[in-house]
């Protein structure tokens, strides 16, 4: 199955999320079967990331967006964790600071964009400024409406700087969200994730859906496409994203850099050093053998006629 073609938001198309099934699993009936494929994708992902890091001429930006409990953290943990931290980092965007609010909305984002050889994952992103800002009327309508063009221009700039961009909307149903909120109550290690805002935000569900639809309709481009991932089933979400990330990296056609030294000369140097070490080792062995032989010559030897001295019998007093 071509996951990129299946889940991409084609530039110029109109997104209607009510036409997409968030429980879709592409015909997979066995979770274990999907997990086997996921394991293979993770291995490929690690290999491709190594090539990207070594080449050091391109970069990859992965944007994760979802409604609360949509699975952003889970995707990072179960799909992207195999990548080497030397060339990969995650940045999560929270509410803007006062300093960030004093600048344009993209100022705080640009400084976290990937450099050559790097993979960067945005856990939430610049799209919050056309999502929550719109739903909660944090800025006037004319302000957030302009931001779509600014976002497209920003992503075009990154693309021109050899950054490949892929954006994922992890789509879960409203019923699945409530189910996940409830399950957190029964898992003490997830209590820290619970906030009153999770439940109060549910009343804005329709507003968020409309905001996501407009953002993906207006900002899915050839340079930075959106992918809508059915995410009710976590294992399928992980499988689909892993496949798309692998295919994206493969399409970048990284090339391992040429060596900066003469490999044959280095081989000769190593061989010479090993040979020299071998001569020294033989000399040490020879010296040890000579010392042992000398010691054996000076040591008195027993002959066949040598007999042990008999012990004299003790005299007993009468």
C-alpha atoms as a PDB file:
ATOM      1  CA  UNK A   1       0.000   0.000   0.000  1.00  0.00           C
ATOM      2  CA  UNK A   2       1.241   3.496  -0.876  1.00  0.00           C
ATOM      3  CA  UNK A   3       0.679   5.277   2.435  1.00  0.00           C
ATOM      4  CA  UNK A   4       1.845   8.648   1.160  1.00  0.00           C
ATOM      5  CA  UNK A   5      -0.686   8.676  -1.674  1.00  0.00           C
ATOM      6  CA  UNK A   6      -3.418   7.264   0.548  1.00  0.00           C
ATOM      7  CA  UNK A   7      -3.210   9.807   3.368  1.00  0.00           C
ATOM      8  CA  UNK A   8      -1.777  12.945   1.750  1.00  0.00           C
ATOM      9  CA  UNK A   9      -3.850  16.106   1.492  1.00  0.00           C
ATOM     10  CA  UNK A  10      -3.392  16.939  -2.165  1.00  0.00           C
ATOM     11  CA  UNK A  11      -2.554  20.611  -2.740  1.00  0.00           C
ATOM     12  CA  UNK A  12      -5.658  22.485  -3.812  1.00  0.00           C
ATOM     13  CA  UNK A  13      -8.067  19.926  -2.354  1.00  0.00           C
ATOM     14  CA  UNK A  14     -10.640  20.679   0.343  1.00  0.00           C
ATOM     15  CA  UNK A  15     -10.434  18.732   3.594  1.00  0.00           C
ATOM     16  CA  UNK A  16     -13.622  17.334   5.124  1.00  0.00           C
ATOM     17  CA  UNK A  17     -12.755  15.216   8.136  1.00  0.00           C
ATOM     18  CA  UNK A  18     -16.270  13.756   8.410  1.00  0.00           C
ATOM     19  CA  UNK A  19     -15.476  11.812   5.234  1.00  0.00           C
ATOM     20  CA  UNK A  20     -12.497  10.100   6.857  1.00  0.00           C
ATOM     21  CA  UNK A  21     -12.767   7.148   9.239  1.00  0.00           C
ATOM     22  CA  UNK A  22     -10.401   7.632  12.206  1.00  0.00           C
ATOM     23  CA  UNK A  23     -10.636   3.883  12.927  1.00  0.00           C
ATOM     24  CA  UNK A  24      -9.358   2.913   9.461  1.00  0.00           C
ATOM     25  CA  UNK A  25      -6.612   0.246   9.485  1.00  0.00           C
ATOM     26  CA  UNK A  26      -6.026  -0.339   5.745  1.00  0.00           C
ATOM     27  CA  UNK A  27      -7.312  -3.894   5.913  1.00  0.00           C
ATOM     28  CA  UNK A  28      -4.963  -5.046   8.668  1.00  0.00           C
ATOM     29  CA  UNK A  29      -6.735  -7.554  10.868  1.00  0.00           C
ATOM     30  CA  UNK A  30      -3.736  -8.556  12.966  1.00  0.00           C
ATOM     31  CA  UNK A  31      -1.970  -6.081  15.228  1.00  0.00           C
ATOM     32  CA  UNK A  32       1.010  -8.446  15.433  1.00  0.00           C
ATOM     33  CA  UNK A  33       1.378  -8.410  11.647  1.00  0.00           C
ATOM     34  CA  UNK A  34       1.510  -4.622  11.686  1.00  0.00           C
ATOM     35  CA  UNK A  35       4.046  -4.613  14.520  1.00  0.00           C
ATOM     36  CA  UNK A  36       6.390  -6.822  12.495  1.00  0.00           C
ATOM     37  CA  UNK A  37       6.286  -4.334   9.622  1.00  0.00           C
ATOM     38  CA  UNK A  38       6.763  -1.453  12.070  1.00  0.00           C
ATOM     39  CA  UNK A  39       9.916  -3.098  13.432  1.00  0.00           C
ATOM     40  CA  UNK A  40      11.320  -3.302   9.898  1.00  0.00           C
ATOM     41  CA  UNK A  41      10.460   0.343   9.258  1.00  0.00           C
ATOM     42  CA  UNK A  42      12.189   1.403  12.474  1.00  0.00           C
ATOM     43  CA  UNK A  43      15.365  -0.350  11.377  1.00  0.00           C
ATOM     44  CA  UNK A  44      15.234   1.388   7.984  1.00  0.00           C
ATOM     45  CA  UNK A  45      14.535   4.686   9.716  1.00  0.00           C
ATOM     46  CA  UNK A  46      17.701   4.398  11.804  1.00  0.00           C
ATOM     47  CA  UNK A  47      19.776   3.543   8.725  1.00  0.00           C
ATOM     48  CA  UNK A  48      18.369   6.415   6.657  1.00  0.00           C
ATOM     49  CA  UNK A  49      18.834   8.902   9.474  1.00  0.00           C
ATOM     50  CA  UNK A  50      22.499   7.856   9.678  1.00  0.00           C
ATOM     51  CA  UNK A  51      22.880   8.613   5.956  1.00  0.00           C
ATOM     52  CA  UNK A  52      21.200  12.011   6.405  1.00  0.00           C
ATOM     53  CA  UNK A  53      23.510  12.838   9.320  1.00  0.00           C
ATOM     54  CA  UNK A  54      26.611  11.701   7.441  1.00  0.00           C
ATOM     55  CA  UNK A  55      25.731  13.537   4.233  1.00  0.00           C
ATOM     56  CA  UNK A  56      25.075  16.784   6.182  1.00  0.00           C
ATOM     57  CA  UNK A  57      23.475  18.583   3.229  1.00  0.00           C
ATOM     58  CA  UNK A  58      19.727  18.203   3.899  1.00  0.00           C
ATOM     59  CA  UNK A  59      17.371  18.089   6.862  1.00  0.00           C
ATOM     60  CA  UNK A  60      13.915  16.791   7.756  1.00  0.00           C
ATOM     61  CA  UNK A  61      11.178  18.551   9.736  1.00  0.00           C
ATOM     62  CA  UNK A  62       8.328  16.403  11.064  1.00  0.00           C
ATOM     63  CA  UNK A  63       5.291  18.277  12.387  1.00  0.00           C
ATOM     64  CA  UNK A  64       2.846  16.474  14.692  1.00  0.00           C
ATOM     65  CA  UNK A  65      -0.550  17.990  15.390  1.00  0.00           C
ATOM     66  CA  UNK A  66      -3.619  16.477  17.021  1.00  0.00           C
ATOM     67  CA  UNK A  67      -6.463  17.163  19.359  1.00  0.00           C
ATOM     68  CA  UNK A  68      -5.754  16.372  23.016  1.00  0.00           C
ATOM     69  CA  UNK A  69      -4.888  12.678  23.568  1.00  0.00           C
ATOM     70  CA  UNK A  70      -4.390  12.268  19.832  1.00  0.00           C
ATOM     71  CA  UNK A  71      -1.064  10.434  20.251  1.00  0.00           C
ATOM     72  CA  UNK A  72       1.750  12.906  19.577  1.00  0.00           C
ATOM     73  CA  UNK A  73       3.876  11.660  22.475  1.00  0.00           C
ATOM     74  CA  UNK A  74       3.118   8.038  21.617  1.00  0.00           C
ATOM     75  CA  UNK A  75       4.206   8.576  18.025  1.00  0.00           C
ATOM     76  CA  UNK A  76       7.513  10.038  19.166  1.00  0.00           C
ATOM     77  CA  UNK A  77       8.105   7.173  21.612  1.00  0.00           C
ATOM     78  CA  UNK A  78       7.093   4.262  19.387  1.00  0.00           C
ATOM     79  CA  UNK A  79       8.030   5.428  15.890  1.00  0.00           C
ATOM     80  CA  UNK A  80      10.823   7.969  16.055  1.00  0.00           C
ATOM     81  CA  UNK A  81      12.727   6.846  19.157  1.00  0.00           C
ATOM     82  CA  UNK A  82      15.131   4.533  17.220  1.00  0.00           C
ATOM     83  CA  UNK A  83      16.818   7.544  15.646  1.00  0.00           C
ATOM     84  CA  UNK A  84      20.236   8.558  16.951  1.00  0.00           C
ATOM     85  CA  UNK A  85      19.938  11.545  19.342  1.00  0.00           C
ATOM     86  CA  UNK A  86      23.136  13.013  17.846  1.00  0.00           C
ATOM     87  CA  UNK A  87      21.159  13.948  14.743  1.00  0.00           C
ATOM     88  CA  UNK A  88      17.608  14.152  16.042  1.00  0.00           C
ATOM     89  CA  UNK A  89      15.747  16.362  18.495  1.00  0.00           C
ATOM     90  CA  UNK A  90      12.193  17.053  19.594  1.00  0.00           C
ATOM     91  CA  UNK A  91      10.793  20.479  20.356  1.00  0.00           C
ATOM     92  CA  UNK A  92       7.423  20.907  22.005  1.00  0.00           C
ATOM     93  CA  UNK A  93       5.592  24.212  21.708  1.00  0.00           C
ATOM     94  CA  UNK A  94       3.676  25.402  24.762  1.00  0.00           C
ATOM     95  CA  UNK A  95       1.884  28.699  25.244  1.00  0.00           C
ATOM     96  CA  UNK A  96       4.081  31.618  24.111  1.00  0.00           C
ATOM     97  CA  UNK A  97       6.120  33.576  26.646  1.00  0.00           C
ATOM     98  CA  UNK A  98       5.882  37.336  27.010  1.00  0.00           C
ATOM     99  CA  UNK A  99       9.084  37.701  25.025  1.00  0.00           C
ATOM    100  CA  UNK A 100       7.703  35.506  22.232  1.00  0.00           C
ATOM    101  CA  UNK A 101       4.446  37.449  22.183  1.00  0.00           C
ATOM    102  CA  UNK A 102       6.458  40.633  21.634  1.00  0.00           C
ATOM    103  CA  UNK A 103       7.649  39.238  18.280  1.00  0.00           C
ATOM    104  CA  UNK A 104       5.894  37.947  15.172  1.00  0.00           C
ATOM    105  CA  UNK A 105       4.288  34.511  15.648  1.00  0.00           C
ATOM    106  CA  UNK A 106       6.947  32.712  13.593  1.00  0.00           C
ATOM    107  CA  UNK A 107       9.923  34.169  15.486  1.00  0.00           C
ATOM    108  CA  UNK A 108       9.875  31.487  18.183  1.00  0.00           C
ATOM    109  CA  UNK A 109       9.512  28.726  15.582  1.00  0.00           C
ATOM    110  CA  UNK A 110      12.279  29.572  13.136  1.00  0.00           C
ATOM    111  CA  UNK A 111      15.061  29.251  15.692  1.00  0.00           C
ATOM    112  CA  UNK A 112      14.124  25.592  16.226  1.00  0.00           C
ATOM    113  CA  UNK A 113      14.135  24.623  12.537  1.00  0.00           C
ATOM    114  CA  UNK A 114      16.565  21.800  11.643  1.00  0.00           C
ATOM    115  CA  UNK A 115      20.092  22.383  10.451  1.00  0.00           C
ATOM    116  CA  UNK A 116      21.793  20.277   7.783  1.00  0.00           C
ATOM    117  CA  UNK A 117      22.005  16.603   8.709  1.00  0.00           C
ATOM    118  CA  UNK A 118      19.325  16.882  11.369  1.00  0.00           C
ATOM    119  CA  UNK A 119      15.817  15.542  11.945  1.00  0.00           C
ATOM    120  CA  UNK A 120      13.601  17.770  14.067  1.00  0.00           C
ATOM    121  CA  UNK A 121      10.162  16.816  15.376  1.00  0.00           C
ATOM    122  CA  UNK A 122       7.718  19.553  16.326  1.00  0.00           C
ATOM    123  CA  UNK A 123       5.289  18.402  19.022  1.00  0.00           C
ATOM    124  CA  UNK A 124       2.655  21.019  18.182  1.00  0.00           C
ATOM    125  CA  UNK A 125       3.958  23.835  16.019  1.00  0.00           C
ATOM    126  CA  UNK A 126       3.375  27.177  14.349  1.00  0.00           C
ATOM    127  CA  UNK A 127      -0.068  25.875  13.411  1.00  0.00           C
ATOM    128  CA  UNK A 128      -1.258  26.568  16.952  1.00  0.00           C
ATOM    129  CA  UNK A 129      -1.485  30.189  15.815  1.00  0.00           C
ATOM    130  CA  UNK A 130      -4.282  29.302  13.381  1.00  0.00           C
ATOM    131  CA  UNK A 131      -5.862  26.701  15.665  1.00  0.00           C
ATOM    132  CA  UNK A 132      -6.169  27.681  19.324  1.00  0.00           C
ATOM    133  CA  UNK A 133      -5.706  31.352  18.438  1.00  0.00           C
ATOM    134  CA  UNK A 134      -8.707  31.056  16.152  1.00  0.00           C
ATOM    135  CA  UNK A 135     -10.926  28.852  18.332  1.00  0.00           C
ATOM    136  CA  UNK A 136     -10.435  31.006  21.432  1.00  0.00           C
ATOM    137  CA  UNK A 137     -10.388  34.354  19.619  1.00  0.00           C
ATOM    138  CA  UNK A 138      -6.915  35.202  20.894  1.00  0.00           C
ATOM    139  CA  UNK A 139      -6.364  37.470  17.903  1.00  0.00           C
ATOM    140  CA  UNK A 140      -8.802  39.141  15.489  1.00  0.00           C
ATOM    141  CA  UNK A 141     -10.044  37.097  12.520  1.00  0.00           C
ATOM    142  CA  UNK A 142      -8.192  39.287  10.013  1.00  0.00           C
ATOM    143  CA  UNK A 143      -4.939  38.468  11.839  1.00  0.00           C
ATOM    144  CA  UNK A 144      -5.199  34.678  11.861  1.00  0.00           C
ATOM    145  CA  UNK A 145      -6.542  34.675   8.295  1.00  0.00           C
ATOM    146  CA  UNK A 146      -3.301  36.283   7.105  1.00  0.00           C
ATOM    147  CA  UNK A 147      -1.209  33.703   8.869  1.00  0.00           C
ATOM    148  CA  UNK A 148      -1.887  30.935   6.353  1.00  0.00           C
ATOM    149  CA  UNK A 149       0.099  32.830   3.720  1.00  0.00           C
ATOM    150  CA  UNK A 150       2.868  33.592   6.208  1.00  0.00           C
ATOM    151  CA  UNK A 151       3.067  29.902   7.130  1.00  0.00           C
ATOM    152  CA  UNK A 152       3.280  28.859   3.478  1.00  0.00           C
ATOM    153  CA  UNK A 153       6.033  31.404   2.912  1.00  0.00           C
ATOM    154  CA  UNK A 154       7.940  30.238   5.998  1.00  0.00           C
ATOM    155  CA  UNK A 155       7.760  26.605   4.922  1.00  0.00           C
ATOM    156  CA  UNK A 156       8.806  27.553   1.396  1.00  0.00           C
ATOM    157  CA  UNK A 157      11.856  29.288   2.864  1.00  0.00           C
ATOM    158  CA  UNK A 158      12.817  26.147   4.803  1.00  0.00           C
ATOM    159  CA  UNK A 159      12.291  24.028   1.714  1.00  0.00           C
ATOM    160  CA  UNK A 160      14.589  26.265  -0.328  1.00  0.00           C
ATOM    161  CA  UNK A 161      17.190  25.705   2.373  1.00  0.00           C
ATOM    162  CA  UNK A 162      17.091  21.908   1.739  1.00  0.00           C
ATOM    163  CA  UNK A 163      14.671  21.088   4.554  1.00  0.00           C
ATOM    164  CA  UNK A 164      12.079  18.454   3.705  1.00  0.00           C
ATOM    165  CA  UNK A 165       8.816  19.011   5.589  1.00  0.00           C
ATOM    166  CA  UNK A 166       6.092  16.482   6.361  1.00  0.00           C
ATOM    167  CA  UNK A 167       3.128  17.304   8.592  1.00  0.00           C
ATOM    168  CA  UNK A 168       0.871  14.775  10.315  1.00  0.00           C
ATOM    169  CA  UNK A 169      -2.598  15.315  11.722  1.00  0.00           C
ATOM    170  CA  UNK A 170      -3.347  12.415  14.059  1.00  0.00           C
ATOM    171  CA  UNK A 171      -7.093  12.052  13.675  1.00  0.00           C
ATOM    172  CA  UNK A 172      -9.084  10.447  16.485  1.00  0.00           C
ATOM    173  CA  UNK A 173     -12.820  10.461  17.090  1.00  0.00           C
ATOM    174  CA  UNK A 174     -14.445  12.391  19.904  1.00  0.00           C
ATOM    175  CA  UNK A 175     -15.472   9.054  21.477  1.00  0.00           C
ATOM    176  CA  UNK A 176     -11.891   7.757  21.322  1.00  0.00           C
ATOM    177  CA  UNK A 177     -10.632  10.924  22.991  1.00  0.00           C
ATOM    178  CA  UNK A 178     -13.015  10.463  25.924  1.00  0.00           C
ATOM    179  CA  UNK A 179     -12.012   6.813  26.178  1.00  0.00           C
ATOM    180  CA  UNK A 180      -8.346   7.814  26.447  1.00  0.00           C
ATOM    181  CA  UNK A 181      -9.079  10.483  29.035  1.00  0.00           C
ATOM    182  CA  UNK A 182     -10.896   7.881  31.098  1.00  0.00           C
ATOM    183  CA  UNK A 183      -8.103   5.306  30.780  1.00  0.00           C
ATOM    184  CA  UNK A 184      -5.618   7.818  32.169  1.00  0.00           C
ATOM    185  CA  UNK A 185      -7.584   7.838  35.423  1.00  0.00           C
ATOM    186  CA  UNK A 186      -6.801   4.139  35.849  1.00  0.00           C
ATOM    187  CA  UNK A 187      -3.089   4.523  35.083  1.00  0.00           C
ATOM    188  CA  UNK A 188      -1.232   6.311  37.907  1.00  0.00           C
ATOM    189  CA  UNK A 189       1.853   6.832  35.738  1.00  0.00           C
ATOM    190  CA  UNK A 190      -0.291   8.983  33.415  1.00  0.00           C
ATOM    191  CA  UNK A 191      -2.022  11.102  36.045  1.00  0.00           C
ATOM    192  CA  UNK A 192       0.474  13.882  35.396  1.00  0.00           C
ATOM    193  CA  UNK A 193      -1.024  14.287  31.918  1.00  0.00           C
ATOM    194  CA  UNK A 194      -4.506  15.027  33.228  1.00  0.00           C
ATOM    195  CA  UNK A 195      -5.669  18.641  33.330  1.00  0.00           C
ATOM    196  CA  UNK A 196      -9.019  20.312  33.699  1.00  0.00           C
ATOM    197  CA  UNK A 197      -8.430  21.948  30.351  1.00  0.00           C
ATOM    198  CA  UNK A 198      -8.613  18.576  28.605  1.00  0.00           C
ATOM    199  CA  UNK A 199     -12.293  18.282  29.416  1.00  0.00           C
ATOM    200  CA  UNK A 200     -13.228  21.926  29.030  1.00  0.00           C
ATOM    201  CA  UNK A 201     -11.686  21.943  25.540  1.00  0.00           C
ATOM    202  CA  UNK A 202     -14.075  19.191  24.416  1.00  0.00           C
ATOM    203  CA  UNK A 203     -16.848  21.756  24.123  1.00  0.00           C
ATOM    204  CA  UNK A 204     -14.823  23.356  21.307  1.00  0.00           C
ATOM    205  CA  UNK A 205     -14.468  20.107  19.359  1.00  0.00           C
ATOM    206  CA  UNK A 206     -16.369  21.301  16.297  1.00  0.00           C
ATOM    207  CA  UNK A 207     -14.457  24.576  16.252  1.00  0.00           C
ATOM    208  CA  UNK A 208     -11.126  22.739  16.304  1.00  0.00           C
ATOM    209  CA  UNK A 209     -12.219  20.368  13.553  1.00  0.00           C
ATOM    210  CA  UNK A 210     -13.148  23.313  11.356  1.00  0.00           C
ATOM    211  CA  UNK A 211      -9.854  25.053  12.162  1.00  0.00           C
ATOM    212  CA  UNK A 212      -7.839  21.922  11.292  1.00  0.00           C
ATOM    213  CA  UNK A 213      -9.754  21.482   8.044  1.00  0.00           C
ATOM    214  CA  UNK A 214      -8.977  25.052   6.956  1.00  0.00           C
ATOM    215  CA  UNK A 215      -5.328  24.841   7.990  1.00  0.00           C
ATOM    216  CA  UNK A 216      -4.762  21.649   6.015  1.00  0.00           C
ATOM    217  CA  UNK A 217      -6.762  22.912   3.030  1.00  0.00           C
ATOM    218  CA  UNK A 218      -4.818  26.169   2.840  1.00  0.00           C
ATOM    219  CA  UNK A 219      -1.358  24.905   3.868  1.00  0.00           C
ATOM    220  CA  UNK A 220      -0.845  21.520   2.223  1.00  0.00           C
ATOM    221  CA  UNK A 221       1.686  22.280  -0.502  1.00  0.00           C
ATOM    222  CA  UNK A 222       4.167  20.434  -2.677  1.00  0.00           C
ATOM    223  CA  UNK A 223       6.940  21.699  -0.396  1.00  0.00           C
ATOM    224  CA  UNK A 224       5.187  20.817   2.870  1.00  0.00           C
ATOM    225  CA  UNK A 225       2.295  18.359   2.510  1.00  0.00           C
ATOM    226  CA  UNK A 226      -0.168  17.404   5.220  1.00  0.00           C
ATOM    227  CA  UNK A 227      -1.049  13.780   5.933  1.00  0.00           C
ATOM    228  CA  UNK A 228      -4.236  12.822   7.767  1.00  0.00           C
ATOM    229  CA  UNK A 229      -3.512   9.672   9.772  1.00  0.00           C
ATOM    230  CA  UNK A 230      -6.407   7.607  11.169  1.00  0.00           C
ATOM    231  CA  UNK A 231      -5.264   7.310  14.782  1.00  0.00           C
ATOM    232  CA  UNK A 232      -7.959   5.525  16.781  1.00  0.00           C
ATOM    233  CA  UNK A 233      -5.786   2.411  16.582  1.00  0.00           C
ATOM    234  CA  UNK A 234      -2.393   3.395  17.944  1.00  0.00           C
ATOM    235  CA  UNK A 235      -0.585   0.507  16.262  1.00  0.00           C
ATOM    236  CA  UNK A 236      -1.908   1.509  12.838  1.00  0.00           C
ATOM    237  CA  UNK A 237      -1.037   5.159  13.456  1.00  0.00           C
ATOM    238  CA  UNK A 238       2.548   4.110  14.207  1.00  0.00           C
ATOM    239  CA  UNK A 239       2.729   1.861  11.173  1.00  0.00           C
ATOM    240  CA  UNK A 240       1.420   4.500   8.750  1.00  0.00           C
ATOM    241  CA  UNK A 241       3.670   7.284  10.037  1.00  0.00           C
ATOM    242  CA  UNK A 242       6.765   5.079  10.084  1.00  0.00           C
ATOM    243  CA  UNK A 243       6.144   4.087   6.469  1.00  0.00           C
ATOM    244  CA  UNK A 244       5.653   7.681   5.309  1.00  0.00           C
ATOM    245  CA  UNK A 245       8.774   8.912   7.127  1.00  0.00           C
ATOM    246  CA  UNK A 246      10.856   6.083   5.621  1.00  0.00           C
ATOM    247  CA  UNK A 247       9.546   6.773   2.106  1.00  0.00           C
ATOM    248  CA  UNK A 248      10.190  10.488   2.538  1.00  0.00           C
ATOM    249  CA  UNK A 249      13.802   9.926   3.598  1.00  0.00           C
ATOM    250  CA  UNK A 250      14.316   7.512   0.717  1.00  0.00           C
ATOM    251  CA  UNK A 251      13.012  10.159  -1.707  1.00  0.00           C
ATOM    252  CA  UNK A 252      15.706  12.561  -0.482  1.00  0.00           C
ATOM    253  CA  UNK A 253      18.346  10.293  -2.076  1.00  0.00           C
ATOM    254  CA  UNK A 254      21.101  10.973   0.425  1.00  0.00           C
ATOM    255  CA  UNK A 255      24.646  10.109  -0.606  1.00  0.00           C
ATOM    256  CA  UNK A 256      27.375   9.079   1.776  1.00  0.00           C
ATOM    257  CA  UNK A 257      30.219  11.613   1.638  1.00  0.00           C
ATOM    258  CA  UNK A 258      33.491  10.697  -0.020  1.00  0.00           C
ATOM    259  CA  UNK A 259      36.434  10.063   2.317  1.00  0.00           C
ATOM    260  CA  UNK A 260      38.712  13.030   2.961  1.00  0.00           C
ATOM    261  CA  UNK A 261      41.822  10.838   3.206  1.00  0.00           C
ATOM    262  CA  UNK A 262      43.537   8.226   1.029  1.00  0.00           C
ATOM    263  CA  UNK A 263      42.030   4.987   2.375  1.00  0.00           C
ATOM    264  CA  UNK A 264      44.779   2.814   0.836  1.00  0.00           C
ATOM    265  CA  UNK A 265      47.456   4.898   2.525  1.00  0.00           C
ATOM    266  CA  UNK A 266      45.680   4.539   5.857  1.00  0.00           C
ATOM    267  CA  UNK A 267      45.554   0.769   5.321  1.00  0.00           C
ATOM    268  CA  UNK A 268      49.309   0.740   4.699  1.00  0.00           C
ATOM    269  CA  UNK A 269      49.975   2.737   7.869  1.00  0.00           C
ATOM    270  CA  UNK A 270      47.860   0.328   9.918  1.00  0.00           C
ATOM    271  CA  UNK A 271      49.559  -2.709   8.330  1.00  0.00           C
ATOM    272  CA  UNK A 272      52.999  -1.233   9.007  1.00  0.00           C
ATOM    273  CA  UNK A 273      52.146  -0.512  12.631  1.00  0.00           C
ATOM    274  CA  UNK A 274      50.736  -4.014  13.116  1.00  0.00           C
ATOM    275  CA  UNK A 275      53.837  -5.529  11.494  1.00  0.00           C
ATOM    276  CA  UNK A 276      56.088  -3.460  13.749  1.00  0.00           C
ATOM    277  CA  UNK A 277      54.076  -4.520  16.769  1.00  0.00           C
ATOM    278  CA  UNK A 278      54.389  -8.142  15.603  1.00  0.00           C
ATOM    279  CA  UNK A 279      58.220  -7.915  15.397  1.00  0.00           C
ATOM    280  CA  UNK A 280      58.335  -6.499  18.905  1.00  0.00           C
ATOM    281  CA  UNK A 281      56.053  -9.237  20.157  1.00  0.00           C
ATOM    282  CA  UNK A 282      58.310 -11.920  18.617  1.00  0.00           C
ATOM    283  CA  UNK A 283      61.388 -10.312  20.180  1.00  0.00           C
ATOM    284  CA  UNK A 284      59.739 -10.336  23.588  1.00  0.00           C
ATOM    285  CA  UNK A 285      58.841 -14.000  23.181  1.00  0.00           C
ATOM    286  CA  UNK A 286      62.400 -14.788  22.066  1.00  0.00           C
ATOM    287  CA  UNK A 287      63.870 -12.919  25.042  1.00  0.00           C
ATOM    288  CA  UNK A 288      61.591 -14.765  27.430  1.00  0.00           C
ATOM    289  CA  UNK A 289      62.576 -18.084  25.814  1.00  0.00           C
ATOM    290  CA  UNK A 290      66.308 -17.229  26.165  1.00  0.00           C
ATOM    291  CA  UNK A 291      65.937 -16.322  29.826  1.00  0.00           C
ATOM    292  CA  UNK A 292      64.109 -19.581  30.491  1.00  0.00           C
ATOM    293  CA  UNK A 293      66.764 -21.603  28.627  1.00  0.00           C
ATOM    294  CA  UNK A 294      69.573 -19.949  30.628  1.00  0.00           C
ATOM    295  CA  UNK A 295      67.753 -20.661  33.856  1.00  0.00           C
ATOM    296  CA  UNK A 296      67.375 -24.312  32.867  1.00  0.00           C
ATOM    297  CA  UNK A 297      71.149 -24.644  32.178  1.00  0.00           C
ATOM    298  CA  UNK A 298      72.093 -23.306  35.609  1.00  0.00           C
ATOM    299  CA  UNK A 299      69.598 -25.494  37.387  1.00  0.00           C
ATOM    300  CA  UNK A 300      71.027 -28.816  38.718  1.00  0.00           C
ATOM    301  CA  UNK A 301      69.484 -31.777  37.005  1.00  0.00           C
ATOM    302  CA  UNK A 302      68.634 -35.178  38.404  1.00  0.00           C
ATOM    303  CA  UNK A 303      70.206 -38.335  36.934  1.00  0.00           C
ATOM    304  CA  UNK A 304      69.069 -41.903  36.943  1.00  0.00           C
ATOM    305  CA  UNK A 305      71.756 -42.782  39.559  1.00  0.00           C
ATOM    306  CA  UNK A 306      70.594 -40.109  41.942  1.00  0.00           C
ATOM    307  CA  UNK A 307      68.962 -41.743  44.902  1.00  0.00           C
ATOM    308  CA  UNK A 308      67.249 -40.033  47.753  1.00  0.00           C
ATOM    309  CA  UNK A 309      69.220 -40.145  50.985  1.00  0.00           C
ATOM    310  CA  UNK A 310      67.792 -42.625  53.427  1.00  0.00           C
ATOM    311  CA  UNK A 311      66.647 -41.242  56.680  1.00  0.00           C
ATOM    312  CA  UNK A 312      68.754 -42.458  59.653  1.00  0.00           C
ATOM    313  CA  UNK A 313      66.824 -44.471  62.170  1.00  0.00           C
ATOM    314  CA  UNK A 314      66.289 -42.794  65.458  1.00  0.00           C
ATOM    315  CA  UNK A 315      67.949 -44.307  68.518  1.00  0.00           C
ATOM    316  CA  UNK A 316      65.625 -45.203  71.348  1.00  0.00           C
ATOM    317  CA  UNK A 317      66.699 -45.017  74.918  1.00  0.00           C
ATOM    318  CA  UNK A 318      66.585 -48.176  76.861  1.00  0.00           C
END
